[in-house]
Amino acid sequence: MTTNDAGDQARPRDEKQEIRRRRFVKVAERRTRLVMDKLRVLGNCANRGVYEYSAADVDKIFAALQRELEQIRHRFDERLKRRAEFKLE
């Protein structure tokens, strides 16, 4: 195999990575916006003129949201760790 052949084989991989990156950005941005919109809607429940709730209710809501965020973050972190480069030093 010549040096040019090796370079030609690298291009499709780079293109594939770029396509996957663009797809991730598109999907992640959309999904993040949707989650943020839903959180704003949840925030409407804070209107004491319409709803009755206790501090315990609020604590339960935020604990559940925090647990879910931590689980999602863990999924991202684990995937990044698996791709880490091996080094002895």
C-alpha atoms as a PDB file:
ATOM      1  CA  MET A   1       0.000   0.000   0.000  1.00  0.00           C
ATOM      2  CA  THR A   2       1.361   3.435  -0.866  1.00  0.00           C
ATOM      3  CA  THR A   3       1.247   6.495   1.314  1.00  0.00           C
ATOM      4  CA  ASN A   4      -1.508   7.935  -0.891  1.00  0.00           C
ATOM      5  CA  ASP A   5      -3.598   4.809  -0.380  1.00  0.00           C
ATOM      6  CA  ALA A   6      -3.381   5.194   3.387  1.00  0.00           C
ATOM      7  CA  GLY A   7      -4.408   8.848   3.108  1.00  0.00           C
ATOM      8  CA  ASP A   8      -7.318   7.933   0.866  1.00  0.00           C
ATOM      9  CA  GLN A   9      -8.539   5.389   3.409  1.00  0.00           C
ATOM     10  CA  ALA A  10      -8.378   7.999   6.185  1.00  0.00           C
ATOM     11  CA  ARG A  11     -10.661  10.414   4.342  1.00  0.00           C
ATOM     12  CA  PRO A  12     -13.811   8.265   4.484  1.00  0.00           C
ATOM     13  CA  ARG A  13     -13.274   7.772   8.211  1.00  0.00           C
ATOM     14  CA  ASP A  14     -12.902  11.530   8.682  1.00  0.00           C
ATOM     15  CA  GLU A  15     -16.026  12.109   6.598  1.00  0.00           C
ATOM     16  CA  LYS A  16     -17.908   9.499   8.611  1.00  0.00           C
ATOM     17  CA  GLN A  17     -16.808  11.154  11.858  1.00  0.00           C
ATOM     18  CA  GLU A  18     -17.878  14.556  10.522  1.00  0.00           C
ATOM     19  CA  ILE A  19     -21.294  13.197   9.531  1.00  0.00           C
ATOM     20  CA  ARG A  20     -21.726  11.599  12.946  1.00  0.00           C
ATOM     21  CA  ARG A  21     -20.632  14.856  14.620  1.00  0.00           C
ATOM     22  CA  ARG A  22     -23.116  16.938  12.610  1.00  0.00           C
ATOM     23  CA  ARG A  23     -25.877  14.446  13.402  1.00  0.00           C
ATOM     24  CA  PHE A  24     -25.019  14.556  17.124  1.00  0.00           C
ATOM     25  CA  VAL A  25     -25.038  18.361  17.183  1.00  0.00           C
ATOM     26  CA  LYS A  26     -28.371  18.524  15.364  1.00  0.00           C
ATOM     27  CA  VAL A  27     -30.074  15.918  17.552  1.00  0.00           C
ATOM     28  CA  ALA A  28     -28.506  17.008  20.867  1.00  0.00           C
ATOM     29  CA  GLU A  29     -29.364  20.669  20.321  1.00  0.00           C
ATOM     30  CA  ARG A  30     -32.968  19.862  19.458  1.00  0.00           C
ATOM     31  CA  ARG A  31     -33.432  17.471  22.365  1.00  0.00           C
ATOM     32  CA  THR A  32     -31.780  19.866  24.803  1.00  0.00           C
ATOM     33  CA  ARG A  33     -34.079  22.689  23.680  1.00  0.00           C
ATOM     34  CA  LEU A  34     -37.090  20.405  24.156  1.00  0.00           C
ATOM     35  CA  VAL A  35     -36.010  19.450  27.676  1.00  0.00           C
ATOM     36  CA  MET A  36     -35.388  23.094  28.555  1.00  0.00           C
ATOM     37  CA  ASP A  37     -38.832  24.029  27.231  1.00  0.00           C
ATOM     38  CA  LYS A  38     -40.407  21.298  29.386  1.00  0.00           C
ATOM     39  CA  LEU A  39     -38.497  22.552  32.426  1.00  0.00           C
ATOM     40  CA  ARG A  40     -39.870  26.047  31.836  1.00  0.00           C
ATOM     41  CA  VAL A  41     -43.372  24.570  31.673  1.00  0.00           C
ATOM     42  CA  LEU A  42     -42.701  22.745  34.937  1.00  0.00           C
ATOM     43  CA  GLY A  43     -41.633  26.092  36.376  1.00  0.00           C
ATOM     44  CA  ASN A  44     -45.151  27.350  35.745  1.00  0.00           C
ATOM     45  CA  CYS A  45     -46.236  25.067  38.592  1.00  0.00           C
ATOM     46  CA  ALA A  46     -44.511  27.502  40.958  1.00  0.00           C
ATOM     47  CA  ASN A  47     -47.483  29.868  40.611  1.00  0.00           C
ATOM     48  CA  ARG A  48     -48.955  29.824  44.124  1.00  0.00           C
ATOM     49  CA  GLY A  49     -52.063  31.582  42.843  1.00  0.00           C
ATOM     50  CA  VAL A  50     -52.975  28.497  40.825  1.00  0.00           C
ATOM     51  CA  TYR A  51     -51.282  25.615  42.633  1.00  0.00           C
ATOM     52  CA  GLU A  52     -50.837  24.452  46.208  1.00  0.00           C
ATOM     53  CA  TYR A  53     -47.588  22.664  47.050  1.00  0.00           C
ATOM     54  CA  SER A  54     -45.204  22.146  49.925  1.00  0.00           C
ATOM     55  CA  ALA A  55     -41.456  22.454  50.273  1.00  0.00           C
ATOM     56  CA  ALA A  56     -41.372  18.641  50.412  1.00  0.00           C
ATOM     57  CA  ASP A  57     -43.087  18.503  47.010  1.00  0.00           C
ATOM     58  CA  VAL A  58     -40.492  20.851  45.557  1.00  0.00           C
ATOM     59  CA  ASP A  59     -37.663  18.835  47.101  1.00  0.00           C
ATOM     60  CA  LYS A  60     -39.038  15.622  45.562  1.00  0.00           C
ATOM     61  CA  ILE A  61     -39.296  17.207  42.124  1.00  0.00           C
ATOM     62  CA  PHE A  62     -35.740  18.539  42.203  1.00  0.00           C
ATOM     63  CA  ALA A  63     -34.325  15.315  43.658  1.00  0.00           C
ATOM     64  CA  ALA A  64     -35.912  13.327  40.825  1.00  0.00           C
ATOM     65  CA  LEU A  65     -34.595  15.753  38.207  1.00  0.00           C
ATOM     66  CA  GLN A  66     -31.121  15.729  39.748  1.00  0.00           C
ATOM     67  CA  ARG A  67     -31.017  11.900  39.789  1.00  0.00           C
ATOM     68  CA  GLU A  68     -32.007  11.764  36.139  1.00  0.00           C
ATOM     69  CA  LEU A  69     -29.410  14.364  35.152  1.00  0.00           C
ATOM     70  CA  GLU A  70     -26.705  12.487  37.058  1.00  0.00           C
ATOM     71  CA  GLN A  71     -27.623   9.226  35.311  1.00  0.00           C
ATOM     72  CA  ILE A  72     -27.480  10.873  31.909  1.00  0.00           C
ATOM     73  CA  ARG A  73     -24.179  12.575  32.707  1.00  0.00           C
ATOM     74  CA  HIS A  74     -22.776   9.213  33.826  1.00  0.00           C
ATOM     75  CA  ARG A  75     -23.738   7.688  30.455  1.00  0.00           C
ATOM     76  CA  PHE A  76     -21.813  10.406  28.613  1.00  0.00           C
ATOM     77  CA  ASP A  77     -18.815  10.150  30.946  1.00  0.00           C
ATOM     78  CA  GLU A  78     -18.622   6.353  30.630  1.00  0.00           C
ATOM     79  CA  ARG A  79     -18.643   6.521  26.851  1.00  0.00           C
ATOM     80  CA  LEU A  80     -15.848   9.085  26.877  1.00  0.00           C
ATOM     81  CA  LYS A  81     -13.752   6.971  29.250  1.00  0.00           C
ATOM     82  CA  ARG A  82     -14.069   3.869  27.067  1.00  0.00           C
ATOM     83  CA  ARG A  83     -12.516   5.728  24.174  1.00  0.00           C
ATOM     84  CA  ALA A  84      -9.593   6.979  26.216  1.00  0.00           C
ATOM     85  CA  GLU A  85      -6.183   6.180  24.862  1.00  0.00           C
ATOM     86  CA  PHE A  86      -4.130   3.477  26.585  1.00  0.00           C
ATOM     87  CA  LYS A  87      -0.923   4.732  28.212  1.00  0.00           C
ATOM     88  CA  LEU A  88       1.457   3.131  30.667  1.00  0.00           C
ATOM     89  CA  GLU A  89       2.797   6.459  31.910  1.00  0.00           C
END
